[in-house]
PDB file of N, CA and C in Angstrom:
ATOM      1  N   MET A   1      19.100   0.712 -21.247  1.00  0.00           N
ATOM      2  CA  MET A   1      17.288   0.540 -20.919  1.00  0.00           C
ATOM      3  C   MET A   1      17.434   0.820 -19.412  1.00  0.00           C
ATOM      4  N   ARG A   2      16.335   0.770 -18.973  1.00  0.00           N
ATOM      5  CA  ARG A   2      16.908   0.669 -16.874  1.00  0.00           C
ATOM      6  C   ARG A   2      15.565  -0.503 -17.002  1.00  0.00           C
ATOM      7  N   THR A   3      16.285  -1.507 -16.573  1.00  0.00           N
ATOM      8  CA  THR A   3      14.978  -2.604 -16.050  1.00  0.00           C
ATOM      9  C   THR A   3      15.170  -2.720 -14.815  1.00  0.00           C
ATOM     10  N   GLY A   4      13.892  -3.480 -13.757  1.00  0.00           N
ATOM     11  CA  GLY A   4      13.726  -3.434 -12.727  1.00  0.00           C
ATOM     12  C   GLY A   4      13.823  -2.417 -11.921  1.00  0.00           C
ATOM     13  N   LYS A   5      14.483  -2.722 -10.291  1.00  0.00           N
ATOM     14  CA  LYS A   5      14.446  -1.522  -8.886  1.00  0.00           C
ATOM     15  C   LYS A   5      15.042  -0.552  -9.851  1.00  0.00           C
ATOM     16  N   ARG A   6      15.941  -0.257 -10.716  1.00  0.00           N
ATOM     17  CA  ARG A   6      16.339   0.796 -10.899  1.00  0.00           C
ATOM     18  C   ARG A   6      15.462   1.882 -11.977  1.00  0.00           C
ATOM     19  N   ALA A   7      15.244   1.087 -12.913  1.00  0.00           N
ATOM     20  CA  ALA A   7      13.578   1.446 -13.850  1.00  0.00           C
ATOM     21  C   ALA A   7      12.725   2.433 -12.656  1.00  0.00           C
ATOM     22  N   ALA A   8      12.529   1.476 -11.864  1.00  0.00           N
ATOM     23  CA  ALA A   8      11.217   1.438 -10.737  1.00  0.00           C
ATOM     24  C   ALA A   8      11.126   2.621  -9.886  1.00  0.00           C
ATOM     25  N   LYS A   9      13.054   2.668  -9.106  1.00  0.00           N
ATOM     26  CA  LYS A   9      13.264   4.267  -8.183  1.00  0.00           C
ATOM     27  C   LYS A   9      13.362   5.307  -9.627  1.00  0.00           C
ATOM     28  N   GLY A  10      13.732   4.903 -10.668  1.00  0.00           N
ATOM     29  CA  GLY A  10      13.897   6.825 -11.625  1.00  0.00           C
ATOM     30  C   GLY A  10      12.647   7.203 -11.775  1.00  0.00           C
ATOM     31  N   ASP A  11      11.490   6.223 -12.422  1.00  0.00           N
ATOM     32  CA  ASP A  11      10.025   6.407 -12.538  1.00  0.00           C
ATOM     33  C   ASP A  11       9.316   7.055 -10.989  1.00  0.00           C
ATOM     34  N   ARG A  12      10.124   6.425 -10.185  1.00  0.00           N
ATOM     35  CA  ARG A  12       9.370   7.164  -8.935  1.00  0.00           C
ATOM     36  C   ARG A  12      10.258   8.267  -8.528  1.00  0.00           C
ATOM     37  N   GLN A  13      11.138   8.517  -8.793  1.00  0.00           N
ATOM     38  CA  GLN A  13      11.479  10.012  -9.308  1.00  0.00           C
ATOM     39  C   GLN A  13      11.260  10.817  -8.933  1.00  0.00           C
ATOM     40  N   ARG A  14      11.559  10.707 -10.782  1.00  0.00           N
ATOM     41  CA  ARG A  14      10.464  11.863 -11.581  1.00  0.00           C
ATOM     42  C   ARG A  14       8.538  12.124 -11.057  1.00  0.00           C
ATOM     43  N   ARG A  15       8.182  11.169 -10.644  1.00  0.00           N
ATOM     44  CA  ARG A  15       6.502  11.305 -10.001  1.00  0.00           C
ATOM     45  C   ARG A  15       6.713  12.108  -9.233  1.00  0.00           C
ATOM     46  N   TYR A  16       7.565  11.965  -8.195  1.00  0.00           N
ATOM     47  CA  TYR A  16       8.247  12.249  -6.953  1.00  0.00           C
ATOM     48  C   TYR A  16       8.650  14.243  -7.528  1.00  0.00           C
ATOM     49  N   ARG A  17       9.152  14.095  -8.183  1.00  0.00           N
ATOM     50  CA  ARG A  17       9.504  16.065  -9.208  1.00  0.00           C
ATOM     51  C   ARG A  17       7.830  16.386  -9.807  1.00  0.00           C
ATOM     52  N   SER A  18       7.378  15.625 -10.441  1.00  0.00           N
ATOM     53  CA  SER A  18       6.951  16.280 -11.091  1.00  0.00           C
ATOM     54  C   SER A  18       5.599  16.412 -10.002  1.00  0.00           C
ATOM     55  N   GLY A  19       5.099  15.747  -9.434  1.00  0.00           N
ATOM     56  CA  GLY A  19       4.252  15.943  -7.783  1.00  0.00           C
ATOM     57  C   GLY A  19       4.420  16.929  -7.098  1.00  0.00           C
ATOM     58  N   PHE A  20       5.997  17.446  -6.834  1.00  0.00           N
ATOM     59  CA  PHE A  20       6.401  18.819  -5.605  1.00  0.00           C
ATOM     60  C   PHE A  20       6.126  19.912  -6.976  1.00  0.00           C
ATOM     61  N   TRP A  21       7.385  19.769  -8.304  1.00  0.00           N
ATOM     62  CA  TRP A  21       6.175  21.327  -9.407  1.00  0.00           C
ATOM     63  C   TRP A  21       4.366  21.295  -8.796  1.00  0.00           C
ATOM     64  N   GLY A  22       4.093  20.847  -9.504  1.00  0.00           N
ATOM     65  CA  GLY A  22       2.960  20.665  -9.851  1.00  0.00           C
ATOM     66  C   GLY A  22       2.339  21.565  -7.972  1.00  0.00           C
ATOM     67  N   GLU A  23       2.707  20.893  -7.183  1.00  0.00           N
ATOM     68  CA  GLU A  23       2.089  21.234  -5.863  1.00  0.00           C
ATOM     69  C   GLU A  23       2.647  22.863  -6.218  1.00  0.00           C
ATOM     70  N   ALA A  24       3.560  22.998  -6.682  1.00  0.00           N
ATOM     71  CA  ALA A  24       4.181  24.106  -5.910  1.00  0.00           C
ATOM     72  C   ALA A  24       3.746  25.640  -6.840  1.00  0.00           C
ATOM     73  N   ILE A  25       3.338  24.856  -8.407  1.00  0.00           N
ATOM     74  CA  ILE A  25       2.671  25.679  -8.982  1.00  0.00           C
ATOM     75  C   ILE A  25       1.147  26.287  -8.394  1.00  0.00           C
ATOM     76  N   ALA A  26       0.205  25.036  -8.016  1.00  0.00           N
ATOM     77  CA  ALA A  26      -0.789  25.397  -7.666  1.00  0.00           C
ATOM     78  C   ALA A  26      -0.747  26.421  -5.977  1.00  0.00           C
ATOM     79  N   ALA A  27      -0.150  26.221  -5.187  1.00  0.00           N
ATOM     80  CA  ALA A  27       0.115  27.205  -4.132  1.00  0.00           C
ATOM     81  C   ALA A  27       0.407  28.244  -4.615  1.00  0.00           C
ATOM     82  N   ALA A  28       1.027  28.250  -5.620  1.00  0.00           N
ATOM     83  CA  ALA A  28       1.648  29.778  -5.824  1.00  0.00           C
ATOM     84  C   ALA A  28       0.544  30.512  -6.596  1.00  0.00           C
ATOM     85  N   PHE A  29      -0.224  29.655  -7.530  1.00  0.00           N
ATOM     86  CA  PHE A  29      -1.754  30.267  -7.536  1.00  0.00           C
ATOM     87  C   PHE A  29      -2.387  30.377  -7.127  1.00  0.00           C
ATOM     88  N   LEU A  30      -2.654  29.015  -5.874  1.00  0.00           N
ATOM     89  CA  LEU A  30      -4.273  30.286  -4.685  1.00  0.00           C
ATOM     90  C   LEU A  30      -3.679  31.115  -3.865  1.00  0.00           C
ATOM     91  N   MET A  31      -1.799  31.351  -3.487  1.00  0.00           N
ATOM     92  CA  MET A  31      -1.806  33.058  -3.214  1.00  0.00           C
ATOM     93  C   MET A  31      -1.975  33.278  -3.712  1.00  0.00           C
ATOM     94  N   LEU A  32      -1.943  33.639  -5.572  1.00  0.00           N
ATOM     95  CA  LEU A  32      -3.029  34.645  -5.746  1.00  0.00           C
ATOM     96  C   LEU A  32      -4.749  35.216  -5.745  1.00  0.00           C
ATOM     97  N   LYS A  33      -5.270  33.699  -6.026  1.00  0.00           N
ATOM     98  CA  LYS A  33      -6.240  34.252  -5.005  1.00  0.00           C
ATOM     99  C   LYS A  33      -6.608  34.171  -3.671  1.00  0.00           C
ATOM    100  N   GLY A  34      -5.718  34.706  -3.000  1.00  0.00           N
ATOM    101  CA  GLY A  34      -5.985  35.398  -1.657  1.00  0.00           C
ATOM    102  C   GLY A  34      -5.681  33.912  -0.468  1.00  0.00           C
ATOM    103  N   TYR A  35      -5.308  33.149  -0.957  1.00  0.00           N
ATOM    104  CA  TYR A  35      -4.822  31.904  -0.336  1.00  0.00           C
ATOM    105  C   TYR A  35      -4.301  31.684   0.719  1.00  0.00           C
ATOM    106  N   ARG A  36      -4.073  31.611   2.170  1.00  0.00           N
ATOM    107  CA  ARG A  36      -2.974  31.231   2.833  1.00  0.00           C
ATOM    108  C   ARG A  36      -2.308  29.806   2.781  1.00  0.00           C
ATOM    109  N   ILE A  37      -1.223  29.199   2.890  1.00  0.00           N
ATOM    110  CA  ILE A  37      -0.817  27.904   2.558  1.00  0.00           C
ATOM    111  C   ILE A  37      -0.419  27.379   4.276  1.00  0.00           C
ATOM    112  N   LEU A  38      -0.792  26.843   4.375  1.00  0.00           N
ATOM    113  CA  LEU A  38      -1.136  26.591   6.337  1.00  0.00           C
ATOM    114  C   LEU A  38      -0.244  25.426   6.098  1.00  0.00           C
ATOM    115  N   ALA A  39      -0.126  24.015   4.966  1.00  0.00           N
ATOM    116  CA  ALA A  39       0.807  22.814   5.340  1.00  0.00           C
ATOM    117  C   ALA A  39       0.658  22.620   3.699  1.00  0.00           C
ATOM    118  N   ARG A  40       2.028  21.621   3.078  1.00  0.00           N
ATOM    119  CA  ARG A  40       2.140  20.522   2.100  1.00  0.00           C
ATOM    120  C   ARG A  40       2.400  19.738   2.209  1.00  0.00           C
ATOM    121  N   ARG A  41       1.787  18.854   1.750  1.00  0.00           N
ATOM    122  CA  ARG A  41       1.772  17.281   2.263  1.00  0.00           C
ATOM    123  C   ARG A  41       2.148  17.098   2.894  1.00  0.00           C
ATOM    124  N   TYR A  42       0.399  17.172   3.155  1.00  0.00           N
ATOM    125  CA  TYR A  42       1.161  16.564   5.164  1.00  0.00           C
ATOM    126  C   TYR A  42       0.403  15.522   4.623  1.00  0.00           C
ATOM    127  N   SER A  43       0.690  14.422   5.999  1.00  0.00           N
ATOM    128  CA  SER A  43       0.757  12.591   5.610  1.00  0.00           C
ATOM    129  C   SER A  43       0.209  12.677   7.411  1.00  0.00           C
ATOM    130  N   CYS A  44      -0.317  11.445   6.790  1.00  0.00           N
ATOM    131  CA  CYS A  44      -0.563  10.348   8.777  1.00  0.00           C
ATOM    132  C   CYS A  44      -0.565   9.259   8.367  1.00  0.00           C
ATOM    133  N   GLY A  45      -1.423   8.363   9.229  1.00  0.00           N
ATOM    134  CA  GLY A  45      -1.719   7.194   8.567  1.00  0.00           C
ATOM    135  C   GLY A  45      -2.908   6.746   8.346  1.00  0.00           C
ATOM    136  N   SER A  46      -3.380   7.833   8.662  1.00  0.00           N
ATOM    137  CA  SER A  46      -4.869   7.618   7.260  1.00  0.00           C
ATOM    138  C   SER A  46      -4.469   8.040   5.413  1.00  0.00           C
ATOM    139  N   GLY A  47      -3.410   9.245   6.022  1.00  0.00           N
ATOM    140  CA  GLY A  47      -3.652   9.327   3.834  1.00  0.00           C
ATOM    141  C   GLY A  47      -3.015  10.786   4.582  1.00  0.00           C
ATOM    142  N   GLU A  48      -3.131  11.328   3.049  1.00  0.00           N
ATOM    143  CA  GLU A  48      -2.152  12.488   2.452  1.00  0.00           C
ATOM    144  C   GLU A  48      -2.818  13.550   1.657  1.00  0.00           C
ATOM    145  N   ILE A  49      -2.712  15.008   2.549  1.00  0.00           N
ATOM    146  CA  ILE A  49      -3.356  15.963   1.317  1.00  0.00           C
ATOM    147  C   ILE A  49      -2.139  16.686   1.433  1.00  0.00           C
ATOM    148  N   ASP A  50      -2.401  17.105  -0.202  1.00  0.00           N
ATOM    149  CA  ASP A  50      -1.582  17.535  -1.161  1.00  0.00           C
ATOM    150  C   ASP A  50      -1.247  19.575  -0.700  1.00  0.00           C
ATOM    151  N   LEU A  51      -2.492  20.192  -0.266  1.00  0.00           N
ATOM    152  CA  LEU A  51      -2.093  21.676   0.450  1.00  0.00           C
ATOM    153  C   LEU A  51      -3.647  21.465   1.017  1.00  0.00           C
ATOM    154  N   ILE A  52      -3.045  22.426   2.139  1.00  0.00           N
ATOM    155  CA  ILE A  52      -4.443  23.064   3.429  1.00  0.00           C
ATOM    156  C   ILE A  52      -3.936  24.146   2.732  1.00  0.00           C
ATOM    157  N   ALA A  53      -5.162  25.457   2.938  1.00  0.00           N
ATOM    158  CA  ALA A  53      -5.155  26.201   2.535  1.00  0.00           C
ATOM    159  C   ALA A  53      -6.166  27.666   3.224  1.00  0.00           C
ATOM    160  N   VAL A  54      -5.733  28.497   4.312  1.00  0.00           N
ATOM    161  CA  VAL A  54      -7.156  29.265   4.500  1.00  0.00           C
ATOM    162  C   VAL A  54      -7.533  30.412   3.483  1.00  0.00           C
ATOM    163  N   ARG A  55      -8.184  31.275   3.266  1.00  0.00           N
ATOM    164  CA  ARG A  55      -8.790  32.465   3.472  1.00  0.00           C
ATOM    165  C   ARG A  55     -10.004  32.891   3.708  1.00  0.00           C
ATOM    166  N   GLY A  56     -10.277  33.527   4.634  1.00  0.00           N
ATOM    167  CA  GLY A  56     -10.832  34.398   5.076  1.00  0.00           C
ATOM    168  C   GLY A  56     -10.955  33.034   6.159  1.00  0.00           C
ATOM    169  N   LYS A  57     -12.564  32.604   6.400  1.00  0.00           N
ATOM    170  CA  LYS A  57     -12.755  31.595   7.373  1.00  0.00           C
ATOM    171  C   LYS A  57     -13.625  30.142   6.548  1.00  0.00           C
ATOM    172  N   ARG A  58     -12.608  30.321   5.252  1.00  0.00           N
ATOM    173  CA  ARG A  58     -12.527  29.314   4.370  1.00  0.00           C
ATOM    174  C   ARG A  58     -11.296  28.400   4.767  1.00  0.00           C
ATOM    175  N   LEU A  59     -11.586  26.935   5.510  1.00  0.00           N
ATOM    176  CA  LEU A  59     -10.360  26.478   5.066  1.00  0.00           C
ATOM    177  C   LEU A  59     -10.770  25.031   3.631  1.00  0.00           C
ATOM    178  N   ALA A  60      -9.459  25.333   3.126  1.00  0.00           N
ATOM    179  CA  ALA A  60      -9.414  23.931   2.242  1.00  0.00           C
ATOM    180  C   ALA A  60      -8.292  23.213   2.012  1.00  0.00           C
ATOM    181  N   PHE A  61      -8.966  21.823   1.865  1.00  0.00           N
ATOM    182  CA  PHE A  61      -7.849  20.760   1.746  1.00  0.00           C
ATOM    183  C   PHE A  61      -8.131  20.702   0.670  1.00  0.00           C
ATOM    184  N   ILE A  62      -6.832  20.665  -0.229  1.00  0.00           N
ATOM    185  CA  ILE A  62      -6.830  20.114  -1.762  1.00  0.00           C
ATOM    186  C   ILE A  62      -5.866  19.329  -2.292  1.00  0.00           C
ATOM    187  N   GLU A  63      -6.538  18.731  -3.163  1.00  0.00           N
ATOM    188  CA  GLU A  63      -5.432  18.031  -4.234  1.00  0.00           C
ATOM    189  C   GLU A  63      -5.501  18.662  -5.533  1.00  0.00           C
ATOM    190  N   VAL A  64      -3.960  18.183  -5.996  1.00  0.00           N
ATOM    191  CA  VAL A  64      -3.502  18.964  -7.158  1.00  0.00           C
ATOM    192  C   VAL A  64      -3.059  18.012  -8.175  1.00  0.00           C
ATOM    193  N   LYS A  65      -3.863  17.584  -8.872  1.00  0.00           N
ATOM    194  CA  LYS A  65      -3.347  16.586 -10.277  1.00  0.00           C
ATOM    195  C   LYS A  65      -2.754  17.679 -11.653  1.00  0.00           C
ATOM    196  N   ARG A  66      -2.423  16.925 -11.652  1.00  0.00           N
ATOM    197  CA  ARG A  66      -1.246  17.018 -13.179  1.00  0.00           C
ATOM    198  C   ARG A  66      -1.297  16.066 -14.271  1.00  0.00           C
ATOM    199  N   ARG A  67      -1.952  16.381 -14.533  1.00  0.00           N
ATOM    200  CA  ARG A  67      -2.386  15.475 -15.576  1.00  0.00           C
ATOM    201  C   ARG A  67      -2.800  15.941 -17.262  1.00  0.00           C
ATOM    202  N   ALA A  68      -2.531  15.449 -18.582  1.00  0.00           N
ATOM    203  CA  ALA A  68      -2.066  16.017 -19.414  1.00  0.00           C
ATOM    204  C   ALA A  68      -3.964  16.522 -19.966  1.00  0.00           C
ATOM    205  N   SER A  69      -4.844  16.119 -19.851  1.00  0.00           N
ATOM    206  CA  SER A  69      -6.155  17.733 -20.219  1.00  0.00           C
ATOM    207  C   SER A  69      -7.366  16.551 -18.547  1.00  0.00           C
ATOM    208  N   LEU A  70      -8.424  17.815 -19.179  1.00  0.00           N
ATOM    209  CA  LEU A  70      -8.828  18.376 -17.695  1.00  0.00           C
ATOM    210  C   LEU A  70      -9.953  16.940 -16.995  1.00  0.00           C
ATOM    211  N   GLU A  71     -10.250  16.368 -18.104  1.00  0.00           N
ATOM    212  CA  GLU A  71     -11.209  14.647 -18.095  1.00  0.00           C
ATOM    213  C   GLU A  71      -9.916  13.749 -17.314  1.00  0.00           C
ATOM    214  N   ALA A  72      -8.692  13.899 -17.742  1.00  0.00           N
ATOM    215  CA  ALA A  72      -8.428  12.902 -16.468  1.00  0.00           C
ATOM    216  C   ALA A  72      -7.866  12.941 -15.739  1.00  0.00           C
ATOM    217  N   ALA A  73      -7.773  14.067 -15.544  1.00  0.00           N
ATOM    218  CA  ALA A  73      -7.403  14.965 -14.365  1.00  0.00           C
ATOM    219  C   ALA A  73      -8.691  14.056 -13.142  1.00  0.00           C
ATOM    220  N   HIS A  74      -9.664  15.264 -14.056  1.00  0.00           N
ATOM    221  CA  HIS A  74     -11.311  14.994 -13.021  1.00  0.00           C
ATOM    222  C   HIS A  74     -11.413  13.045 -12.720  1.00  0.00           C
ATOM    223  N   ALA A  75     -10.974  12.041 -13.112  1.00  0.00           N
ATOM    224  CA  ALA A  75     -11.334  10.764 -13.523  1.00  0.00           C
ATOM    225  C   ALA A  75     -10.621  10.681 -12.394  1.00  0.00           C
ATOM    226  N   SER A  76      -8.997  11.378 -12.371  1.00  0.00           N
ATOM    227  CA  SER A  76      -8.258  10.236 -11.793  1.00  0.00           C
ATOM    228  C   SER A  76      -8.172  10.425 -10.242  1.00  0.00           C
ATOM    229  N   ILE A  77      -9.777  11.569  -9.298  1.00  0.00           N
ATOM    230  CA  ILE A  77      -9.696  11.651  -7.594  1.00  0.00           C
ATOM    231  C   ILE A  77     -10.648  10.318  -7.779  1.00  0.00           C
ATOM    232  N   GLY A  78     -10.548   8.956  -7.319  1.00  0.00           N
ATOM    233  CA  GLY A  78     -11.724   8.770  -7.193  1.00  0.00           C
ATOM    234  C   GLY A  78     -12.084   8.490  -5.708  1.00  0.00           C
ATOM    235  N   ALA A  79     -13.344   7.782  -5.859  1.00  0.00           N
ATOM    236  CA  ALA A  79     -13.829   7.758  -3.896  1.00  0.00           C
ATOM    237  C   ALA A  79     -13.001   7.467  -2.919  1.00  0.00           C
ATOM    238  N   GLU A  80     -12.136   6.341  -3.507  1.00  0.00           N
ATOM    239  CA  GLU A  80     -11.712   5.584  -2.495  1.00  0.00           C
ATOM    240  C   GLU A  80     -10.505   7.082  -1.532  1.00  0.00           C
ATOM    241  N   GLN A  81      -9.886   7.642  -2.768  1.00  0.00           N
ATOM    242  CA  GLN A  81      -8.723   8.398  -2.740  1.00  0.00           C
ATOM    243  C   GLN A  81      -9.303   9.894  -1.317  1.00  0.00           C
ATOM    244  N   ALA A  82     -11.114  10.055  -1.844  1.00  0.00           N
ATOM    245  CA  ALA A  82     -11.704  11.143  -1.723  1.00  0.00           C
ATOM    246  C   ALA A  82     -11.708  10.829   0.068  1.00  0.00           C
ATOM    247  N   GLN A  83     -12.000   9.451   0.061  1.00  0.00           N
ATOM    248  CA  GLN A  83     -12.175   8.541   1.675  1.00  0.00           C
ATOM    249  C   GLN A  83     -10.919   8.882   2.321  1.00  0.00           C
ATOM    250  N   ARG A  84      -9.621   8.941   1.605  1.00  0.00           N
ATOM    251  CA  ARG A  84      -8.254   8.870   2.812  1.00  0.00           C
ATOM    252  C   ARG A  84      -8.323  10.760   2.383  1.00  0.00           C
ATOM    253  N   ILE A  85      -8.487  11.414   2.073  1.00  0.00           N
ATOM    254  CA  ILE A  85      -7.899  12.470   2.112  1.00  0.00           C
ATOM    255  C   ILE A  85      -8.827  13.056   3.343  1.00  0.00           C
ATOM    256  N   THR A  86     -10.254  12.895   3.485  1.00  0.00           N
ATOM    257  CA  THR A  86     -11.210  13.249   4.669  1.00  0.00           C
ATOM    258  C   THR A  86     -11.018  12.914   5.140  1.00  0.00           C
ATOM    259  N   ASN A  87     -10.233  11.338   5.406  1.00  0.00           N
ATOM    260  CA  ASN A  87      -9.701  10.956   7.186  1.00  0.00           C
ATOM    261  C   ASN A  87      -8.642  11.975   7.433  1.00  0.00           C
ATOM    262  N   ALA A  88      -7.681  11.499   6.589  1.00  0.00           N
ATOM    263  CA  ALA A  88      -6.656  12.983   6.806  1.00  0.00           C
ATOM    264  C   ALA A  88      -6.848  14.694   7.291  1.00  0.00           C
ATOM    265  N   ALA A  89      -7.896  14.790   6.626  1.00  0.00           N
ATOM    266  CA  ALA A  89      -8.381  16.210   7.520  1.00  0.00           C
ATOM    267  C   ALA A  89      -8.873  15.972   8.278  1.00  0.00           C
ATOM    268  N   ASP A  90      -9.607  14.751   9.039  1.00  0.00           N
ATOM    269  CA  ASP A  90     -10.288  14.805  10.197  1.00  0.00           C
ATOM    270  C   ASP A  90      -8.632  14.573  11.450  1.00  0.00           C
ATOM    271  N   ILE A  91      -7.979  14.162  11.535  1.00  0.00           N
ATOM    272  CA  ILE A  91      -6.585  14.013  11.900  1.00  0.00           C
ATOM    273  C   ILE A  91      -6.090  15.335  12.096  1.00  0.00           C
ATOM    274  N   TRP A  92      -5.718  16.384  10.693  1.00  0.00           N
ATOM    275  CA  TRP A  92      -5.197  17.965  10.687  1.00  0.00           C
ATOM    276  C   TRP A  92      -6.094  18.208  11.329  1.00  0.00           C
ATOM    277  N   LEU A  93      -7.001  18.432  11.459  1.00  0.00           N
ATOM    278  CA  LEU A  93      -8.185  19.177  12.185  1.00  0.00           C
ATOM    279  C   LEU A  93      -8.127  18.994  13.665  1.00  0.00           C
ATOM    280  N   ALA A  94      -8.659  17.691  14.240  1.00  0.00           N
ATOM    281  CA  ALA A  94      -8.085  17.339  15.462  1.00  0.00           C
ATOM    282  C   ALA A  94      -7.074  18.212  16.209  1.00  0.00           C
ATOM    283  N   ARG A  95      -6.280  18.110  15.334  1.00  0.00           N
ATOM    284  CA  ARG A  95      -4.538  18.755  16.157  1.00  0.00           C
ATOM    285  C   ARG A  95      -4.524  20.193  15.603  1.00  0.00           C
ATOM    286  N   ASN A  96      -5.654  20.691  15.095  1.00  0.00           N
ATOM    287  CA  ASN A  96      -5.343  22.169  14.477  1.00  0.00           C
ATOM    288  C   ASN A  96      -6.968  22.656  15.275  1.00  0.00           C
ATOM    289  N   ALA A  97      -7.017  22.636  16.563  1.00  0.00           N
ATOM    290  CA  ALA A  97      -8.421  22.832  17.007  1.00  0.00           C
ATOM    291  C   ALA A  97      -9.100  24.084  16.625  1.00  0.00           C
ATOM    292  N   ARG A  98      -8.424  25.279  16.224  1.00  0.00           N
ATOM    293  CA  ARG A  98      -8.190  26.948  15.892  1.00  0.00           C
ATOM    294  C   ARG A  98      -9.390  26.735  14.819  1.00  0.00           C
ATOM    295  N   TYR A  99      -9.097  25.818  13.082  1.00  0.00           N
ATOM    296  CA  TYR A  99      -9.488  25.760  12.610  1.00  0.00           C
ATOM    297  C   TYR A  99     -11.466  24.485  12.614  1.00  0.00           C
ATOM    298  N   GLN A 100     -11.408  24.890  13.299  1.00  0.00           N
ATOM    299  CA  GLN A 100     -12.709  23.928  14.180  1.00  0.00           C
ATOM    300  C   GLN A 100     -13.923  24.599  13.828  1.00  0.00           C
ATOM    301  N   THR A 101     -13.604  25.844  13.781  1.00  0.00           N
ATOM    302  CA  THR A 101     -15.107  26.753  13.466  1.00  0.00           C
ATOM    303  C   THR A 101     -15.090  26.966  11.720  1.00  0.00           C
ATOM    304  N   TYR A 102     -14.273  26.962  10.815  1.00  0.00           N
ATOM    305  CA  TYR A 102     -14.124  27.591   9.743  1.00  0.00           C
ATOM    306  C   TYR A 102     -15.220  26.511   8.773  1.00  0.00           C
ATOM    307  N   SER A 103     -15.509  27.184   7.724  1.00  0.00           N
ATOM    308  CA  SER A 103     -16.149  26.036   6.867  1.00  0.00           C
ATOM    309  C   SER A 103     -15.362  25.334   6.459  1.00  0.00           C
ATOM    310  N   ILE A 104     -15.217  24.459   5.861  1.00  0.00           N
ATOM    311  CA  ILE A 104     -14.496  22.825   5.304  1.00  0.00           C
ATOM    312  C   ILE A 104     -14.655  22.827   4.099  1.00  0.00           C
ATOM    313  N   ALA A 105     -14.048  23.035   3.627  1.00  0.00           N
ATOM    314  CA  ALA A 105     -14.233  22.262   1.698  1.00  0.00           C
ATOM    315  C   ALA A 105     -12.841  21.870   1.329  1.00  0.00           C
ATOM    316  N   PHE A 106     -12.944  20.583   0.100  1.00  0.00           N
ATOM    317  CA  PHE A 106     -12.289  19.931  -0.364  1.00  0.00           C
ATOM    318  C   PHE A 106     -12.716  19.892  -1.746  1.00  0.00           C
ATOM    319  N   ASP A 107     -11.446  20.968  -1.757  1.00  0.00           N
ATOM    320  CA  ASP A 107     -11.115  21.639  -3.276  1.00  0.00           C
ATOM    321  C   ASP A 107      -9.578  20.591  -4.607  1.00  0.00           C
ATOM    322  N   ALA A 108      -9.805  20.627  -5.610  1.00  0.00           N
ATOM    323  CA  ALA A 108      -9.181  20.041  -6.137  1.00  0.00           C
ATOM    324  C   ALA A 108      -8.158  21.148  -7.364  1.00  0.00           C
ATOM    325  N   VAL A 109      -6.883  21.239  -7.245  1.00  0.00           N
ATOM    326  CA  VAL A 109      -6.787  22.095  -8.372  1.00  0.00           C
ATOM    327  C   VAL A 109      -5.638  20.773  -9.447  1.00  0.00           C
ATOM    328  N   PHE A 110      -6.029  21.565 -10.245  1.00  0.00           N
ATOM    329  CA  PHE A 110      -5.694  20.186 -11.936  1.00  0.00           C
ATOM    330  C   PHE A 110      -4.589  21.461 -12.670  1.00  0.00           C
ATOM    331  N   ILE A 111      -3.354  21.140 -13.358  1.00  0.00           N
ATOM    332  CA  ILE A 111      -2.185  21.602 -13.751  1.00  0.00           C
ATOM    333  C   ILE A 111      -2.366  21.013 -15.312  1.00  0.00           C
ATOM    334  N   LEU A 112      -2.385  21.542 -15.892  1.00  0.00           N
ATOM    335  CA  LEU A 112      -2.197  20.720 -17.330  1.00  0.00           C
ATOM    336  C   LEU A 112      -1.533  21.719 -18.271  1.00  0.00           C
ATOM    337  N   PRO A 113      -0.737  21.141 -18.645  1.00  0.00           N
ATOM    338  CA  PRO A 113      -0.167  21.566 -19.692  1.00  0.00           C
ATOM    339  C   PRO A 113      -0.480  22.902 -20.806  1.00  0.00           C
ATOM    340  N   ARG A 114       0.658  23.875 -21.158  1.00  0.00           N
ATOM    341  CA  ARG A 114       0.054  24.843 -20.920  1.00  0.00           C
ATOM    342  C   ARG A 114      -0.722  25.886 -21.052  1.00  0.00           C
ATOM    343  N   GLN A 115      -1.472  26.077 -20.425  1.00  0.00           N
ATOM    344  CA  GLN A 115      -2.745  26.420 -19.335  1.00  0.00           C
ATOM    345  C   GLN A 115      -2.837  26.801 -17.859  1.00  0.00           C
ATOM    346  N   TRP A 116      -3.551  27.382 -17.907  1.00  0.00           N
ATOM    347  CA  TRP A 116      -3.300  28.144 -16.243  1.00  0.00           C
ATOM    348  C   TRP A 116      -3.792  26.958 -15.127  1.00  0.00           C
ATOM    349  N   PRO A 117      -3.462  26.917 -14.231  1.00  0.00           N
ATOM    350  CA  PRO A 117      -4.426  25.973 -12.781  1.00  0.00           C
ATOM    351  C   PRO A 117      -5.854  26.621 -12.866  1.00  0.00           C
ATOM    352  N   VAL A 118      -6.369  25.566 -12.933  1.00  0.00           N
ATOM    353  CA  VAL A 118      -7.568  24.793 -13.283  1.00  0.00           C
ATOM    354  C   VAL A 118      -8.295  24.461 -11.406  1.00  0.00           C
ATOM    355  N   HIS A 119      -8.294  25.552 -10.759  1.00  0.00           N
ATOM    356  CA  HIS A 119      -8.981  25.319  -9.077  1.00  0.00           C
ATOM    357  C   HIS A 119     -10.868  25.462  -9.436  1.00  0.00           C
ATOM    358  N   VAL A 120     -10.708  24.003  -8.504  1.00  0.00           N
ATOM    359  CA  VAL A 120     -12.260  23.587  -8.920  1.00  0.00           C
ATOM    360  C   VAL A 120     -13.005  23.091  -6.677  1.00  0.00           C
ATOM    361  N   GLU A 121     -13.663  24.306  -6.637  1.00  0.00           N
ATOM    362  CA  GLU A 121     -13.595  24.288  -4.945  1.00  0.00           C
ATOM    363  C   GLU A 121     -14.606  23.019  -4.822  1.00  0.00           C
ATOM    364  N   ASN A 122     -14.759  22.635  -3.686  1.00  0.00           N
ATOM    365  CA  ASN A 122     -15.649  20.945  -3.782  1.00  0.00           C
ATOM    366  C   ASN A 122     -15.869  19.887  -4.978  1.00  0.00           C
ATOM    367  N   GLY A 123     -14.419  19.830  -5.386  1.00  0.00           N
ATOM    368  CA  GLY A 123     -14.186  18.610  -6.362  1.00  0.00           C
ATOM    369  C   GLY A 123     -13.656  17.945  -5.878  1.00  0.00           C
ATOM    370  N   VAL A 124     -13.206  17.909  -4.822  1.00  0.00           N
ATOM    371  CA  VAL A 124     -12.536  16.101  -3.916  1.00  0.00           C
ATOM    372  C   VAL A 124     -14.383  15.754  -3.937  1.00  0.00           C
TER     373      VAL A 124
END
């Protein structure tokens, strides 16, 4: 049985790997839908964005959630997290001025067991 810091490190590594693969699945799914992935795991002092993708003139900041059910996935995105994503998006846009004229969206992709990913436009 693991205890203390060692257990916490193992759990953190497991969550990291799970998140990494969930984001890879979401990115592949979005590319099949015609999106081009501009960034993965964009992080700044204000927050983190899992994926940033563009299709045509639509720029999407995408939160990826890997959960057991669609209800749990929807419930896992709270107002505080949405605000952090919005803040990080503002910083990304300031650093990438060429996309400021694009239509901005805050999407979610839910990764569920034994199902195709669910892409919810403007789901954040």
